[in-house]
């Protein structure tokens, strides 16, 4: 879930290059992601004090999932976005649709000239 929020903020950034888009995404969503992770991790830690085995195992699942998701979203994903994230209009379907429309339009014009 954290990765989705960061990727969405990355794609919504109006900067063109990868580094600045990654910085924008981390600046916009970083504190919210950390806040959500801290509260959920804290809730999972409270379950460690339960005596039922189900809640104890659920505490391990919740805390480990949140820990690894946070590490993945805030360490690995920004590194990947720095190296291989889309730049400029890459991945923007409106741009591709516009290009296909212009290609089709010129093709129709070329057919009508023949």
Foldseek 3Di string as FASTA:
>chain_A
DLQVQLVVQLVPDPDFALLVSNVRSCVVCVVVLVVVLVVQLVVLVVLCPDPDPVSNVVSVVRNVVSVVVNCCRPPVVSVCSNPPNDGDCPPPVVVVVVVVVVVVVVVVVVVVVD
